[in-house]
């Protein structure tokens, strides 16, 4: 990243309307100017035209469904699902402006059925008098109960309102099915570090809404720290910049440079040496994995915290622990996979910082669980065999036979239904003929795998005896 200044930030722009004309600044002491300056930087820097919007290219690319609907003014009801600070509210306002629709908004936290009815009446008046449709933006729609969500249904169905809901929770669980079937879910992603850096550069350069009139410079390391600390949240990134800028406001021209130390002081968070795409990223995840494998919960907690404090994506760590549960524990403790999955779901549900404890709990459980890589080794053997032998045919007796022709061809002939036998076990071959008798999975005698080992040993002996009896019968 290069040093950013009010005059030389890359891609820095003044406030621009859709027409491309710069917005003239209000007189310095006008009421509008005072109101603007009183608003937080994150609110002042909301894009005022779709061209200004940074990020979410996967849904806003030209030719895509949403972009085409906006350009043709043929909007559909939708739900924006994304983390805090991913631009849900901003995007809804921009859509309303681009389509010339009447825009009504309220929060599910403060509103109920009475307010919904008032908005619906307003939408009916609006379309009768001006012909304009109403976009109804409902923030935190997941907080509405079933009856409140039901109130939208007939009006979404009739087209009286175009509903845009915003939620940080999974709509599959939080939005009723009838309403979900009448909307399209648009998934908004956290902003990338590059996108957040672009947003901060614009705020530094913009003399009308941003900090452009203060001639503030930002050292590359300081900008990088503010971006990483935001963890994909644009509002948080702009708040970080505003806090750091407050430390240099009022100083002389030579003192208006935000250093890394200032950024750390403003954010109350030290920048740790870390690079998500570089060697340190792989060093730390390797240290965590090996600490778990080495049954060292103290080291596992340390490396987990190091990664989280440095700004690593918590869900990346959760995914790695889920992999570890199968690779290094397997059936020695089948609950390990359940605990790892639950930690990911818990973190997804409550987020930072509370969700860190769920990951910590999983790390300690995995570190202290009995270890086995038997499944990992067995699956590797099977993949190797498939690579060598190709697509061997499925034995006829374990093929399904839904038609008479298939039965006549011998499909399912001789198949023994396990539940018809004692202990629901009967010796029969399930591997292709060329591989019969092969053993890939060899459980250890640790944890629950000891039980599995005993069970398999018994079954394999029965199979071997049955194979010997069958061979002897054929010879006789």
Protein backbone atom coordinates (compact mmCIF):
# COMPACT_ATOMS: atom_id res chain seq x y z
CA UNK A 1 0.00 0.00 0.00
CA UNK A 2 1.25 3.51 -0.77
CA UNK A 3 0.99 6.50 1.56
CA UNK A 4 -2.43 8.10 1.23
CA UNK A 5 -2.98 11.83 1.31
CA UNK A 6 -5.96 14.01 0.67
CA UNK A 7 -4.61 14.97 -2.72
CA UNK A 8 -2.91 11.82 -3.95
CA UNK A 9 -4.86 8.73 -2.82
CA UNK A 10 -5.37 6.25 -5.60
CA UNK A 11 -8.95 6.23 -6.86
CA UNK A 12 -9.85 9.07 -4.53
CA UNK A 13 -12.89 11.03 -5.68
CA UNK A 14 -15.03 13.88 -4.53
CA UNK A 15 -18.69 13.27 -3.92
CA UNK A 16 -20.21 12.48 -7.31
CA UNK A 17 -23.82 12.28 -8.30
CA UNK A 18 -25.10 9.94 -10.97
CA UNK A 19 -24.65 12.69 -13.55
CA UNK A 20 -20.93 12.81 -12.82
CA UNK A 21 -21.03 16.39 -11.51
CA UNK A 22 -19.24 17.20 -8.27
CA UNK A 23 -21.47 18.25 -5.43
CA UNK A 24 -20.67 21.82 -4.35
CA UNK A 25 -19.65 22.15 -0.75
CA UNK A 26 -22.02 23.88 1.63
CA UNK A 27 -20.85 27.13 3.27
CA UNK A 28 -18.53 26.22 6.15
CA UNK A 29 -20.92 27.40 8.86
CA UNK A 30 -24.26 26.53 7.25
CA UNK A 31 -26.71 24.34 9.18
CA UNK A 32 -26.38 21.56 6.55
CA UNK A 33 -22.60 21.64 6.84
CA UNK A 34 -22.74 21.49 10.63
CA UNK A 35 -25.17 18.56 10.48
CA UNK A 36 -22.92 16.76 7.99
CA UNK A 37 -19.85 17.22 10.14
CA UNK A 38 -21.72 15.93 13.18
CA UNK A 39 -22.43 12.63 11.45
CA UNK A 40 -19.89 9.81 11.80
CA UNK A 41 -17.47 9.38 8.89
CA UNK A 42 -18.98 5.99 8.09
CA UNK A 43 -22.38 7.61 7.54
CA UNK A 44 -21.02 10.57 5.58
CA UNK A 45 -19.09 8.29 3.21
CA UNK A 46 -22.08 6.20 2.14
CA UNK A 47 -21.98 6.04 -1.68
CA UNK A 48 -24.56 8.25 -3.37
CA UNK A 49 -24.50 6.48 -6.73
CA UNK A 50 -24.09 2.85 -7.72
CA UNK A 51 -20.84 3.69 -9.52
CA UNK A 52 -19.34 4.68 -6.18
CA UNK A 53 -20.20 1.40 -4.50
CA UNK A 54 -17.16 -0.75 -3.71
CA UNK A 55 -17.35 -4.53 -3.49
CA UNK A 56 -20.04 -7.20 -3.95
CA UNK A 57 -19.09 -7.58 -7.61
CA UNK A 58 -20.51 -11.12 -7.60
CA UNK A 59 -24.04 -9.65 -7.51
CA UNK A 60 -23.44 -6.21 -9.05
CA UNK A 61 -21.43 -7.08 -12.16
CA UNK A 62 -22.94 -5.76 -15.37
CA UNK A 63 -25.10 -8.37 -17.05
CA UNK A 64 -25.87 -10.06 -13.74
CA UNK A 65 -29.37 -10.60 -12.44
CA UNK A 66 -29.45 -7.75 -9.91
CA UNK A 67 -27.59 -5.21 -12.05
CA UNK A 68 -29.87 -5.92 -14.99
CA UNK A 69 -32.97 -5.58 -12.81
CA UNK A 70 -31.72 -2.21 -11.54
CA UNK A 71 -30.82 -0.88 -14.98
CA UNK A 72 -34.18 -1.95 -16.45
CA UNK A 73 -36.12 -0.80 -13.38
CA UNK A 74 -37.65 -4.25 -13.01
CA UNK A 75 -36.84 -4.96 -9.39
CA UNK A 76 -37.89 -8.06 -7.50
CA UNK A 77 -38.22 -8.58 -3.76
CA UNK A 78 -35.02 -9.78 -2.16
CA UNK A 79 -33.22 -10.40 1.09
CA UNK A 80 -29.66 -9.22 1.63
CA UNK A 81 -27.88 -11.71 3.84
CA UNK A 82 -24.46 -10.67 5.01
CA UNK A 83 -22.31 -9.80 8.03
CA UNK A 84 -22.40 -6.39 9.72
CA UNK A 85 -20.82 -3.61 7.69
CA UNK A 86 -21.15 -5.40 4.34
CA UNK A 87 -23.22 -2.59 2.78
CA UNK A 88 -26.76 -3.96 2.99
CA UNK A 89 -28.49 -0.71 3.92
CA UNK A 90 -26.37 1.36 1.54
CA UNK A 91 -27.08 -0.94 -1.37
CA UNK A 92 -30.83 -0.84 -0.69
CA UNK A 93 -30.82 2.98 -0.72
CA UNK A 94 -28.80 3.08 -3.93
CA UNK A 95 -31.20 0.67 -5.62
CA UNK A 96 -34.14 2.88 -4.69
CA UNK A 97 -32.39 5.94 -6.10
CA UNK A 98 -31.30 4.23 -9.30
CA UNK A 99 -34.81 2.95 -10.00
CA UNK A 100 -36.63 6.16 -9.03
CA UNK A 101 -38.77 4.26 -6.57
CA UNK A 102 -40.32 5.60 -3.42
CA UNK A 103 -38.16 4.40 -0.54
CA UNK A 104 -39.54 3.53 2.87
CA UNK A 105 -37.48 2.06 5.66
CA UNK A 106 -37.83 0.92 9.21
CA UNK A 107 -36.09 -1.37 11.63
CA UNK A 108 -37.62 -4.61 12.82
CA UNK A 109 -36.32 -3.76 16.27
CA UNK A 110 -38.57 -0.70 16.60
CA UNK A 111 -41.56 -1.53 14.40
CA UNK A 112 -44.52 -3.87 14.47
CA UNK A 113 -47.64 -4.78 12.49
CA UNK A 114 -49.14 -1.31 13.07
CA UNK A 115 -46.17 0.38 11.42
CA UNK A 116 -46.26 -2.16 8.58
CA UNK A 117 -49.89 -1.25 7.85
CA UNK A 118 -49.01 2.45 7.83
CA UNK A 119 -46.24 1.86 5.31
CA UNK A 120 -48.55 -0.25 3.14
CA UNK A 121 -51.17 2.54 3.16
CA UNK A 122 -48.45 5.02 2.21
CA UNK A 123 -47.32 2.77 -0.64
CA UNK A 124 -50.90 2.53 -1.93
CA UNK A 125 -51.25 6.33 -1.92
CA UNK A 126 -47.88 6.74 -3.62
CA UNK A 127 -48.71 4.45 -6.52
CA UNK A 128 -52.18 5.99 -6.98
CA UNK A 129 -50.89 9.58 -7.02
CA UNK A 130 -47.49 9.30 -8.73
CA UNK A 131 -47.35 5.80 -10.18
CA UNK A 132 -44.13 5.16 -8.26
CA UNK A 133 -43.64 1.78 -6.66
CA UNK A 134 -42.44 1.58 -3.09
CA UNK A 135 -39.27 -0.19 -2.03
CA UNK A 136 -39.74 -1.19 1.58
CA UNK A 137 -36.41 -1.78 3.27
CA UNK A 138 -36.65 -3.78 6.49
CA UNK A 139 -33.46 -3.84 8.51
CA UNK A 140 -32.89 -6.89 10.73
CA UNK A 141 -35.89 -8.65 9.22
CA UNK A 142 -35.00 -11.79 11.16
CA UNK A 143 -36.25 -10.04 14.32
CA UNK A 144 -39.83 -9.99 13.04
CA UNK A 145 -41.99 -12.80 14.37
CA UNK A 146 -44.15 -15.01 12.14
CA UNK A 147 -47.25 -12.80 12.35
CA UNK A 148 -45.26 -9.70 11.44
CA UNK A 149 -43.62 -11.42 8.49
CA UNK A 150 -47.02 -12.75 7.39
CA UNK A 151 -48.24 -9.15 7.12
CA UNK A 152 -45.93 -8.57 4.16
CA UNK A 153 -47.08 -11.57 2.11
CA UNK A 154 -50.17 -10.29 0.22
CA UNK A 155 -48.49 -6.99 -0.65
CA UNK A 156 -45.30 -8.61 -1.90
CA UNK A 157 -47.45 -11.04 -3.86
CA UNK A 158 -49.52 -8.23 -5.44
CA UNK A 159 -46.44 -6.15 -6.24
CA UNK A 160 -47.65 -3.19 -4.17
CA UNK A 161 -44.29 -3.19 -2.42
CA UNK A 162 -40.88 -4.45 -3.41
CA UNK A 163 -39.45 -5.83 -0.21
CA UNK A 164 -35.75 -5.64 0.53
CA UNK A 165 -34.91 -7.28 3.83
CA UNK A 166 -31.51 -7.18 5.50
CA UNK A 167 -30.28 -9.81 7.90
CA UNK A 168 -27.09 -11.08 9.45
CA UNK A 169 -28.74 -14.44 10.17
CA UNK A 170 -29.37 -17.36 7.83
CA UNK A 171 -32.73 -16.61 6.15
CA UNK A 172 -33.47 -20.33 5.89
CA UNK A 173 -33.93 -20.39 9.66
CA UNK A 174 -35.11 -16.87 10.40
CA UNK A 175 -37.52 -15.99 7.55
CA UNK A 176 -40.81 -17.84 7.12
CA UNK A 177 -41.02 -20.14 4.10
CA UNK A 178 -43.89 -18.34 2.30
CA UNK A 179 -41.99 -15.05 2.40
CA UNK A 180 -38.71 -16.73 1.49
CA UNK A 181 -40.34 -18.31 -1.58
CA UNK A 182 -41.42 -14.84 -2.79
CA UNK A 183 -37.97 -13.31 -2.49
CA UNK A 184 -34.48 -13.97 -3.78
CA UNK A 185 -31.65 -14.22 -1.28
CA UNK A 186 -28.62 -12.13 -2.21
CA UNK A 187 -25.55 -13.11 -0.21
CA UNK A 188 -23.28 -10.17 0.62
CA UNK A 189 -19.70 -11.04 1.46
CA UNK A 190 -17.36 -9.31 3.91
CA UNK A 191 -15.27 -6.70 2.15
CA UNK A 192 -11.80 -7.82 1.13
CA UNK A 193 -8.78 -6.00 2.51
CA UNK A 194 -8.22 -4.40 -0.90
CA UNK A 195 -11.81 -3.12 -0.97
CA UNK A 196 -11.56 -1.73 2.55
CA UNK A 197 -8.30 0.01 1.67
CA UNK A 198 -10.05 1.58 -1.33
CA UNK A 199 -12.88 2.81 0.89
CA UNK A 200 -10.43 4.39 3.32
CA UNK A 201 -8.48 6.05 0.50
CA UNK A 202 -11.68 7.63 -0.77
CA UNK A 203 -12.51 8.90 2.71
CA UNK A 204 -9.04 10.44 3.00
CA UNK A 205 -9.35 12.12 -0.36
CA UNK A 206 -12.96 13.35 -0.29
CA UNK A 207 -13.00 17.05 0.76
CA UNK A 208 -16.78 17.22 1.06
CA UNK A 209 -17.84 14.14 2.99
CA UNK A 210 -14.50 12.76 4.09
CA UNK A 211 -11.21 13.97 5.55
CA UNK A 212 -9.82 15.55 2.38
CA UNK A 213 -9.81 19.03 3.83
CA UNK A 214 -7.54 18.02 6.73
CA UNK A 215 -4.45 17.11 4.65
CA UNK A 216 -3.94 13.89 6.60
CA UNK A 217 -1.36 11.33 5.54
CA UNK A 218 -1.43 7.68 6.55
CA UNK A 219 1.59 5.41 6.69
CA UNK A 220 1.09 2.15 4.75
CA UNK A 221 1.46 0.01 7.89
CA UNK A 222 -1.13 2.12 9.71
CA UNK A 223 -3.64 1.82 6.88
CA UNK A 224 -3.03 -1.93 6.73
CA UNK A 225 -3.59 -2.26 10.47
CA UNK A 226 -6.87 -0.35 10.35
CA UNK A 227 -8.05 -2.51 7.47
CA UNK A 228 -7.15 -5.80 9.15
CA UNK A 229 -8.70 -4.78 12.44
CA UNK A 230 -12.00 -4.11 10.62
CA UNK A 231 -12.25 -7.79 9.60
CA UNK A 232 -14.28 -7.15 6.44
CA UNK A 233 -16.58 -4.54 8.02
CA UNK A 234 -16.59 -1.23 6.10
CA UNK A 235 -18.28 0.67 8.93
CA UNK A 236 -15.65 -0.54 11.37
CA UNK A 237 -12.83 0.41 8.97
CA UNK A 238 -14.12 3.96 8.61
CA UNK A 239 -14.61 4.23 12.37
CA UNK A 240 -11.00 3.11 12.80
CA UNK A 241 -9.81 5.80 10.40
CA UNK A 242 -11.90 8.47 12.10
CA UNK A 243 -10.53 7.50 15.51
CA UNK A 244 -6.94 7.61 14.25
CA UNK A 245 -7.55 10.93 12.48
CA UNK A 246 -8.74 12.48 15.73
CA UNK A 247 -5.20 12.05 17.10
CA UNK A 248 -3.68 14.32 14.45
CA UNK A 249 -6.49 16.82 13.92
CA UNK A 250 -5.43 20.27 14.98
CA UNK A 251 -1.72 19.60 14.56
CA UNK A 252 0.49 21.44 12.13
CA UNK A 253 0.97 20.22 8.57
CA UNK A 254 4.08 18.23 9.54
CA UNK A 255 2.25 16.41 12.32
CA UNK A 256 -0.73 15.22 10.31
CA UNK A 257 0.63 11.76 9.54
CA UNK A 258 -1.06 8.73 11.09
CA UNK A 259 1.65 6.27 12.07
CA UNK A 260 1.28 2.62 13.01
CA UNK A 261 1.74 3.53 16.67
CA UNK A 262 -1.10 6.06 16.41
CA UNK A 263 -3.35 3.52 14.71
CA UNK A 264 -2.62 1.00 17.46
CA UNK A 265 -3.35 3.62 20.11
CA UNK A 266 -6.61 4.67 18.45
CA UNK A 267 -7.82 1.08 18.00
CA UNK A 268 -6.44 -0.14 21.34
CA UNK A 269 -5.08 -3.10 19.44
CA UNK A 270 -1.49 -3.99 18.69
CA UNK A 271 -0.59 -5.01 15.14
CA UNK A 272 0.77 -8.55 15.22
CA UNK A 273 3.18 -9.84 12.60
CA UNK A 274 0.92 -11.72 10.25
CA UNK A 275 0.22 -12.09 6.58
CA UNK A 276 -2.86 -14.04 5.60
CA UNK A 277 -1.38 -14.80 2.19
CA UNK A 278 2.26 -15.22 3.25
CA UNK A 279 4.59 -17.53 5.16
CA UNK A 280 3.48 -16.46 8.64
CA UNK A 281 -0.08 -17.56 7.85
CA UNK A 282 1.10 -21.08 7.06
CA UNK A 283 3.54 -21.11 9.98
CA UNK A 284 0.78 -20.36 12.49
CA UNK A 285 -1.82 -22.78 11.13
CA UNK A 286 0.89 -25.45 11.04
CA UNK A 287 1.73 -24.69 14.68
CA UNK A 288 -1.94 -24.98 15.64
CA UNK A 289 -2.41 -28.26 13.75
CA UNK A 290 0.72 -29.85 15.22
CA UNK A 291 -0.20 -28.70 18.73
CA UNK A 292 -3.59 -30.36 18.38
CA UNK A 293 -1.99 -33.53 17.00
CA UNK A 294 0.55 -33.46 19.82
CA UNK A 295 -2.25 -33.36 22.42
CA UNK A 296 -1.04 -30.02 23.82
CA UNK A 297 -4.11 -27.91 24.69
CA UNK A 298 -2.04 -25.04 26.09
CA UNK A 299 -0.07 -24.59 22.87
CA UNK A 300 -3.24 -25.06 20.80
CA UNK A 301 -4.95 -22.22 22.68
CA UNK A 302 -1.91 -19.98 22.27
CA UNK A 303 -1.66 -20.44 18.50
CA UNK A 304 -5.43 -20.14 18.12
CA UNK A 305 -5.39 -16.80 19.96
CA UNK A 306 -2.38 -15.61 17.98
CA UNK A 307 -4.24 -16.17 14.71
CA UNK A 308 -7.48 -14.59 15.90
CA UNK A 309 -5.75 -11.55 17.39
CA UNK A 310 -3.82 -11.06 14.15
CA UNK A 311 -7.05 -10.91 12.15
CA UNK A 312 -7.29 -14.41 10.67
CA UNK A 313 -10.72 -15.41 9.41
CA UNK A 314 -12.21 -17.43 12.33
CA UNK A 315 -14.16 -19.64 9.93
CA UNK A 316 -10.90 -20.61 8.21
CA UNK A 317 -9.63 -21.86 11.57
CA UNK A 318 -12.92 -23.66 12.20
CA UNK A 319 -12.66 -25.40 8.83
CA UNK A 320 -9.13 -26.54 9.62
CA UNK A 321 -10.24 -27.96 12.98
CA UNK A 322 -13.08 -29.83 11.27
CA UNK A 323 -10.55 -31.35 8.90
CA UNK A 324 -8.31 -32.21 11.86
CA UNK A 325 -11.18 -33.99 13.63
CA UNK A 326 -11.39 -36.51 10.79
CA UNK A 327 -7.73 -36.65 9.82
CA UNK A 328 -6.10 -37.02 13.25
CA UNK A 329 -8.88 -38.28 15.53
CA UNK A 330 -11.42 -40.05 13.37
CA UNK A 331 -13.32 -42.81 15.14
CA UNK A 332 -11.01 -42.78 18.15
CA UNK A 333 -13.51 -40.15 19.32
CA UNK A 334 -16.43 -39.72 16.88
CA UNK A 335 -17.67 -36.75 18.94
CA UNK A 336 -14.63 -34.73 17.85
CA UNK A 337 -16.17 -34.03 14.45
CA UNK A 338 -19.48 -33.07 16.10
CA UNK A 339 -17.72 -30.68 18.49
CA UNK A 340 -15.71 -29.10 15.65
CA UNK A 341 -18.84 -28.61 13.52
CA UNK A 342 -20.76 -27.21 16.48
CA UNK A 343 -17.98 -24.69 17.15
CA UNK A 344 -18.24 -23.42 13.58
CA UNK A 345 -22.02 -23.12 13.80
CA UNK A 346 -21.81 -21.41 17.19
CA UNK A 347 -19.30 -18.89 15.89
CA UNK A 348 -21.41 -18.24 12.80
CA UNK A 349 -24.41 -17.66 15.08
CA UNK A 350 -22.87 -15.24 17.62
CA UNK A 351 -19.80 -13.86 15.83
CA UNK A 352 -16.92 -11.94 17.38
CA UNK A 353 -15.80 -11.65 20.08
CA UNK A 354 -18.05 -14.12 21.96
CA UNK A 355 -17.67 -16.79 19.30
CA UNK A 356 -13.94 -17.09 19.99
CA UNK A 357 -14.74 -19.19 23.07
CA UNK A 358 -16.53 -21.75 20.91
CA UNK A 359 -13.38 -22.17 18.83
CA UNK A 360 -11.26 -22.34 21.98
CA UNK A 361 -13.52 -25.05 23.43
CA UNK A 362 -13.20 -27.09 20.24
CA UNK A 363 -9.41 -26.67 20.17
CA UNK A 364 -9.08 -27.98 23.73
CA UNK A 365 -11.41 -30.90 23.01
CA UNK A 366 -9.47 -31.88 19.88
CA UNK A 367 -6.12 -31.56 21.63
CA UNK A 368 -7.21 -33.81 24.52
CA UNK A 369 -9.07 -36.42 22.44
CA UNK A 370 -7.51 -39.84 21.65
CA UNK A 371 -5.77 -39.73 18.28
CA UNK A 372 -6.04 -41.93 15.21
CA UNK A 373 -5.24 -41.34 11.56
CA UNK A 374 -6.68 -44.71 10.53
CA UNK A 375 -9.46 -43.17 8.45
CA UNK A 376 -7.01 -40.78 6.78
CA UNK A 377 -4.69 -43.66 5.86
CA UNK A 378 -7.56 -45.93 4.76
CA UNK A 379 -9.04 -43.30 2.46
CA UNK A 380 -5.62 -42.62 0.97
CA UNK A 381 -5.19 -46.34 0.21
CA UNK A 382 -8.62 -46.53 -1.44
CA UNK A 383 -7.91 -43.51 -3.66
CA UNK A 384 -4.62 -45.09 -4.69
CA UNK A 385 -6.33 -48.38 -5.55
CA UNK A 386 -8.99 -46.58 -7.61
CA UNK A 387 -6.24 -44.78 -9.50
CA UNK A 388 -4.61 -48.11 -10.34
CA UNK A 389 -7.70 -50.23 -11.06
CA UNK A 390 -10.13 -47.70 -12.59
CA UNK A 391 -13.89 -48.22 -12.58
CA UNK A 392 -14.36 -51.85 -11.62
CA UNK A 393 -17.94 -53.11 -12.06
CA UNK A 394 -20.31 -53.31 -9.11
CA UNK A 395 -20.97 -56.97 -8.20
CA UNK A 396 -24.37 -58.10 -9.47
CA UNK A 397 -25.69 -59.22 -6.10
CA UNK A 398 -25.40 -55.73 -4.53
CA UNK A 399 -26.88 -53.88 -7.49
CA UNK A 400 -30.41 -52.52 -7.22
CA UNK A 401 -33.03 -54.28 -9.33
CA UNK A 402 -36.07 -52.00 -9.79
CA UNK A 403 -37.15 -53.56 -13.12
CA UNK A 404 -37.90 -57.08 -14.31
CA UNK A 405 -35.22 -56.87 -16.97
CA UNK A 406 -32.61 -56.09 -14.36
CA UNK A 407 -33.78 -59.00 -12.22
CA UNK A 408 -33.61 -61.30 -15.25
CA UNK A 409 -30.03 -60.13 -15.83
CA UNK A 410 -29.10 -61.24 -12.31
CA UNK A 411 -29.18 -57.89 -10.54
CA UNK A 412 -29.60 -58.36 -6.77
CA UNK A 413 -29.55 -62.16 -7.14
CA UNK A 414 -28.16 -63.81 -4.04
CA UNK A 415 -28.11 -60.63 -1.97
CA UNK A 416 -28.41 -61.32 1.77
CA UNK A 417 -30.33 -58.73 3.78
CA UNK A 418 -28.25 -58.18 6.91
CA UNK A 419 -31.22 -57.53 9.23
CA UNK A 420 -32.53 -61.04 8.57
CA UNK A 421 -29.48 -62.49 10.34
CA UNK A 422 -28.26 -62.66 13.91
CA UNK A 423 -26.69 -59.40 15.10
CA UNK A 424 -27.61 -57.92 11.70
CA UNK A 425 -24.43 -59.34 10.18
CA UNK A 426 -23.97 -61.82 7.36
CA UNK A 427 -20.71 -62.59 5.54
CA UNK A 428 -20.89 -61.59 1.89
CA UNK A 429 -18.65 -59.73 -0.53
CA UNK A 430 -19.25 -56.04 -1.25
CA UNK A 431 -16.05 -55.14 -3.07
CA UNK A 432 -15.52 -55.68 -6.80
CA UNK A 433 -14.43 -59.27 -7.52
CA UNK A 434 -10.85 -58.21 -8.26
CA UNK A 435 -10.51 -56.57 -4.82
CA UNK A 436 -12.32 -59.09 -2.64
CA UNK A 437 -10.57 -59.73 0.64
CA UNK A 438 -8.72 -56.41 0.65
CA UNK A 439 -8.48 -54.50 3.96
CA UNK A 440 -8.06 -50.72 3.94
CA UNK A 441 -9.31 -49.56 7.33
CA UNK A 442 -7.28 -50.75 10.30
CA UNK A 443 -8.52 -49.06 13.48
CA UNK A 444 -6.19 -48.44 16.39
CA UNK A 445 -6.72 -49.63 19.95
CA UNK A 446 -7.18 -46.04 21.18
CA UNK A 447 -10.45 -44.54 22.33
CA UNK A 448 -13.64 -45.71 20.66
CA UNK A 449 -11.63 -47.28 17.83
CA UNK A 450 -10.69 -50.04 20.26
CA UNK A 451 -14.37 -51.06 20.29
CA UNK A 452 -14.52 -50.77 16.50
CA UNK A 453 -11.33 -52.85 16.17
CA UNK A 454 -12.76 -55.67 18.28
CA UNK A 455 -15.99 -55.66 16.29
CA UNK A 456 -14.23 -55.66 12.93
CA UNK A 457 -11.83 -58.41 14.01
CA UNK A 458 -14.80 -60.62 14.83
CA UNK A 459 -16.60 -59.86 11.56
CA UNK A 460 -13.48 -60.32 9.44
CA UNK A 461 -12.84 -63.73 10.99
CA UNK A 462 -16.41 -64.77 10.12
CA UNK A 463 -15.91 -63.52 6.54
CA UNK A 464 -12.61 -65.37 6.20
CA UNK A 465 -14.16 -68.60 7.46
CA UNK A 466 -17.11 -68.17 5.09
CA UNK A 467 -14.68 -67.61 2.20
CA UNK A 468 -12.77 -70.81 3.10
CA UNK A 469 -16.01 -72.81 3.35
CA UNK A 470 -17.16 -71.44 -0.02
CA UNK A 471 -13.86 -72.32 -1.66
CA UNK A 472 -13.92 -75.80 -0.19
CA UNK A 473 -17.50 -76.32 -1.38
CA UNK A 474 -16.55 -75.34 -4.93
CA UNK A 475 -13.57 -77.72 -4.89
CA UNK A 476 -15.72 -80.60 -3.73
